Amino acid sequence: MKVFRKYEFGSKSAATTKINALGEADDEGRLPHNHIIKRLGFITLDDDTLSPNYHVDVLWDGEPDSDWDNQLVWCNGLGVHHFGGSSAIHEFKREAKVQRPDLFPAPSPAD
């Protein structure tokens, strides 16, 4: 099972520390995990300002690492980046609605 999640950190070094804690590559470049990690960096926000936080997307091979929960962010949609198959994307959207229903207001009735 692949699980897609978005994270933000106060700095690039904080993100790097968390990523390195998952395990570093051996002499032949093989990682001790099958997670896919995309460093997005300091992304541009809706109002065209640079985010003060460093962003990372992870496609977890299995359940997400709970040590990352404090950096987890939810958004309405997929933001500036996404990856994974349709099941991982749909799971992210469903869980975002559960975790942050305020991001998904009910449609107003048509006049």
C-alpha atoms as a PDB file:
ATOM      1  CA  MET A   1       0.000   0.000   0.000  1.00  0.00           C
ATOM      2  CA  LYS A   2       1.312   3.448  -0.950  1.00  0.00           C
ATOM      3  CA  VAL A   3       0.259   6.459   1.158  1.00  0.00           C
ATOM      4  CA  PHE A   4       0.809  10.047   0.000  1.00  0.00           C
ATOM      5  CA  ARG A   5       1.395  12.794   2.599  1.00  0.00           C
ATOM      6  CA  LYS A   6       2.564  16.438   2.665  1.00  0.00           C
ATOM      7  CA  TYR A   7       4.836  17.940   5.320  1.00  0.00           C
ATOM      8  CA  GLU A   8       6.312  21.289   6.234  1.00  0.00           C
ATOM      9  CA  PHE A   9       9.348  22.071   8.353  1.00  0.00           C
ATOM     10  CA  GLY A  10      10.736  25.251   9.845  1.00  0.00           C
ATOM     11  CA  SER A  11      13.964  24.857   7.886  1.00  0.00           C
ATOM     12  CA  LYS A  12      15.678  22.782   5.230  1.00  0.00           C
ATOM     13  CA  SER A  13      17.999  21.326   7.865  1.00  0.00           C
ATOM     14  CA  ALA A  14      15.044  20.164   9.983  1.00  0.00           C
ATOM     15  CA  ALA A  15      13.621  18.372   6.936  1.00  0.00           C
ATOM     16  CA  THR A  16      16.991  16.832   6.115  1.00  0.00           C
ATOM     17  CA  THR A  17      17.360  15.546   9.678  1.00  0.00           C
ATOM     18  CA  LYS A  18      13.928  13.894   9.519  1.00  0.00           C
ATOM     19  CA  ILE A  19      14.633  12.366   6.105  1.00  0.00           C
ATOM     20  CA  ASN A  20      18.041  11.072   7.204  1.00  0.00           C
ATOM     21  CA  ALA A  21      16.432   9.444  10.264  1.00  0.00           C
ATOM     22  CA  LEU A  22      14.624   7.087   7.856  1.00  0.00           C
ATOM     23  CA  GLY A  23      18.011   5.631   6.989  1.00  0.00           C
ATOM     24  CA  GLU A  24      20.808   6.604   4.684  1.00  0.00           C
ATOM     25  CA  ALA A  25      21.932   4.907   1.500  1.00  0.00           C
ATOM     26  CA  ASP A  26      24.582   2.191   1.642  1.00  0.00           C
ATOM     27  CA  ASP A  27      27.796   2.233  -0.387  1.00  0.00           C
ATOM     28  CA  GLU A  28      25.891   1.162  -3.490  1.00  0.00           C
ATOM     29  CA  GLY A  29      23.229   3.865  -3.116  1.00  0.00           C
ATOM     30  CA  ARG A  30      20.472   1.568  -1.834  1.00  0.00           C
ATOM     31  CA  LEU A  31      18.175   3.022   0.813  1.00  0.00           C
ATOM     32  CA  PRO A  32      16.869   0.875   3.686  1.00  0.00           C
ATOM     33  CA  HIS A  33      13.291   1.821   2.701  1.00  0.00           C
ATOM     34  CA  ASN A  34      11.144   2.117  -0.418  1.00  0.00           C
ATOM     35  CA  HIS A  35       9.594   5.520   0.322  1.00  0.00           C
ATOM     36  CA  ILE A  36       9.740   8.188  -2.371  1.00  0.00           C
ATOM     37  CA  ILE A  37      10.668  11.608  -1.007  1.00  0.00           C
ATOM     38  CA  LYS A  38      10.319  14.851  -2.956  1.00  0.00           C
ATOM     39  CA  ARG A  39      11.882  17.972  -1.452  1.00  0.00           C
ATOM     40  CA  LEU A  40       9.742  20.885  -2.653  1.00  0.00           C
ATOM     41  CA  GLY A  41      11.604  23.536  -0.707  1.00  0.00           C
ATOM     42  CA  PHE A  42      10.157  26.967   0.017  1.00  0.00           C
ATOM     43  CA  ILE A  43       7.068  26.981  -2.199  1.00  0.00           C
ATOM     44  CA  THR A  44       5.135  29.980  -3.478  1.00  0.00           C
ATOM     45  CA  LEU A  45       1.828  30.453  -1.671  1.00  0.00           C
ATOM     46  CA  ASP A  46      -1.497  31.577  -3.151  1.00  0.00           C
ATOM     47  CA  ASP A  47      -0.723  35.250  -2.600  1.00  0.00           C
ATOM     48  CA  ASP A  48       2.584  34.964  -4.527  1.00  0.00           C
ATOM     49  CA  THR A  49       4.707  35.094  -1.384  1.00  0.00           C
ATOM     50  CA  LEU A  50       7.366  32.551  -0.565  1.00  0.00           C
ATOM     51  CA  SER A  51       6.434  30.168   2.240  1.00  0.00           C
ATOM     52  CA  PRO A  52       8.595  30.534   5.354  1.00  0.00           C
ATOM     53  CA  ASN A  53       8.447  26.734   5.713  1.00  0.00           C
ATOM     54  CA  TYR A  54      10.336  24.027   3.832  1.00  0.00           C
ATOM     55  CA  HIS A  55       7.964  21.540   2.176  1.00  0.00           C
ATOM     56  CA  VAL A  56       8.429  17.816   1.547  1.00  0.00           C
ATOM     57  CA  ASP A  57       6.073  15.299  -0.066  1.00  0.00           C
ATOM     58  CA  VAL A  58       6.410  11.598   0.720  1.00  0.00           C
ATOM     59  CA  LEU A  59       4.908   8.574  -0.961  1.00  0.00           C
ATOM     60  CA  TRP A  60       5.198   6.097   1.883  1.00  0.00           C
ATOM     61  CA  ASP A  61       5.628   2.404   1.160  1.00  0.00           C
ATOM     62  CA  GLY A  62       3.117   1.316   3.800  1.00  0.00           C
ATOM     63  CA  GLU A  63       1.863   3.381   6.711  1.00  0.00           C
ATOM     64  CA  PRO A  64       3.382   6.851   7.217  1.00  0.00           C
ATOM     65  CA  ASP A  65       6.021   7.170   9.935  1.00  0.00           C
ATOM     66  CA  SER A  66       4.245   8.617  12.983  1.00  0.00           C
ATOM     67  CA  ASP A  67       7.431  10.531  13.896  1.00  0.00           C
ATOM     68  CA  TRP A  68       6.484  12.865  11.024  1.00  0.00           C
ATOM     69  CA  ASP A  69       2.974  13.654  12.348  1.00  0.00           C
ATOM     70  CA  ASN A  70       3.936  17.043  13.829  1.00  0.00           C
ATOM     71  CA  GLN A  71       4.988  18.265  10.379  1.00  0.00           C
ATOM     72  CA  LEU A  72       1.940  16.901   8.521  1.00  0.00           C
ATOM     73  CA  VAL A  73      -0.144  19.398   6.564  1.00  0.00           C
ATOM     74  CA  TRP A  74      -3.481  19.019   4.806  1.00  0.00           C
ATOM     75  CA  CYS A  75      -4.753  21.054   1.897  1.00  0.00           C
ATOM     76  CA  ASN A  76      -7.823  21.293  -0.293  1.00  0.00           C
ATOM     77  CA  GLY A  77      -6.534  19.635  -3.438  1.00  0.00           C
ATOM     78  CA  LEU A  78      -3.026  18.410  -4.039  1.00  0.00           C
ATOM     79  CA  GLY A  79      -1.035  21.628  -3.801  1.00  0.00           C
ATOM     80  CA  VAL A  80       1.967  22.298  -6.025  1.00  0.00           C
ATOM     81  CA  HIS A  81       3.010  18.640  -6.329  1.00  0.00           C
ATOM     82  CA  HIS A  82       1.650  15.122  -6.062  1.00  0.00           C
ATOM     83  CA  PHE A  83       2.647  11.620  -6.978  1.00  0.00           C
ATOM     84  CA  GLY A  84       1.475   8.080  -6.578  1.00  0.00           C
ATOM     85  CA  GLY A  85      -1.297   6.119  -8.173  1.00  0.00           C
ATOM     86  CA  SER A  86      -4.922   7.119  -8.106  1.00  0.00           C
ATOM     87  CA  SER A  87      -5.570   5.100  -4.930  1.00  0.00           C
ATOM     88  CA  ALA A  88      -2.881   7.057  -3.001  1.00  0.00           C
ATOM     89  CA  ILE A  89      -4.213  10.380  -4.312  1.00  0.00           C
ATOM     90  CA  HIS A  90      -7.837   9.505  -3.480  1.00  0.00           C
ATOM     91  CA  GLU A  91      -6.812   8.329  -0.009  1.00  0.00           C
ATOM     92  CA  PHE A  92      -5.009  11.655   0.610  1.00  0.00           C
ATOM     93  CA  LYS A  93      -8.103  13.645  -0.434  1.00  0.00           C
ATOM     94  CA  ARG A  94     -10.437  11.505   1.710  1.00  0.00           C
ATOM     95  CA  GLU A  95      -8.177  11.810   4.750  1.00  0.00           C
ATOM     96  CA  ALA A  96      -7.766  15.573   4.228  1.00  0.00           C
ATOM     97  CA  LYS A  97     -11.558  15.931   4.398  1.00  0.00           C
ATOM     98  CA  VAL A  98     -11.619  13.950   7.646  1.00  0.00           C
ATOM     99  CA  GLN A  99      -8.690  15.777   9.251  1.00  0.00           C
ATOM    100  CA  ARG A 100      -9.535  19.294   8.023  1.00  0.00           C
ATOM    101  CA  PRO A 101     -13.251  19.547   7.130  1.00  0.00           C
ATOM    102  CA  ASP A 102     -12.924  23.344   7.356  1.00  0.00           C
ATOM    103  CA  LEU A 103     -10.985  23.224   4.068  1.00  0.00           C
ATOM    104  CA  PHE A 104     -14.010  21.714   2.315  1.00  0.00           C
ATOM    105  CA  PRO A 105     -17.036  23.963   2.951  1.00  0.00           C
ATOM    106  CA  ALA A 106     -20.433  22.719   1.870  1.00  0.00           C
ATOM    107  CA  PRO A 107     -21.600  24.254  -1.404  1.00  0.00           C
ATOM    108  CA  SER A 108     -24.072  27.078  -0.962  1.00  0.00           C
ATOM    109  CA  PRO A 109     -27.557  26.467  -2.344  1.00  0.00           C
ATOM    110  CA  ALA A 110     -28.165  27.802  -5.848  1.00  0.00           C
ATOM    111  CA  ASP A 111     -30.392  30.863  -6.083  1.00  0.00           C
END
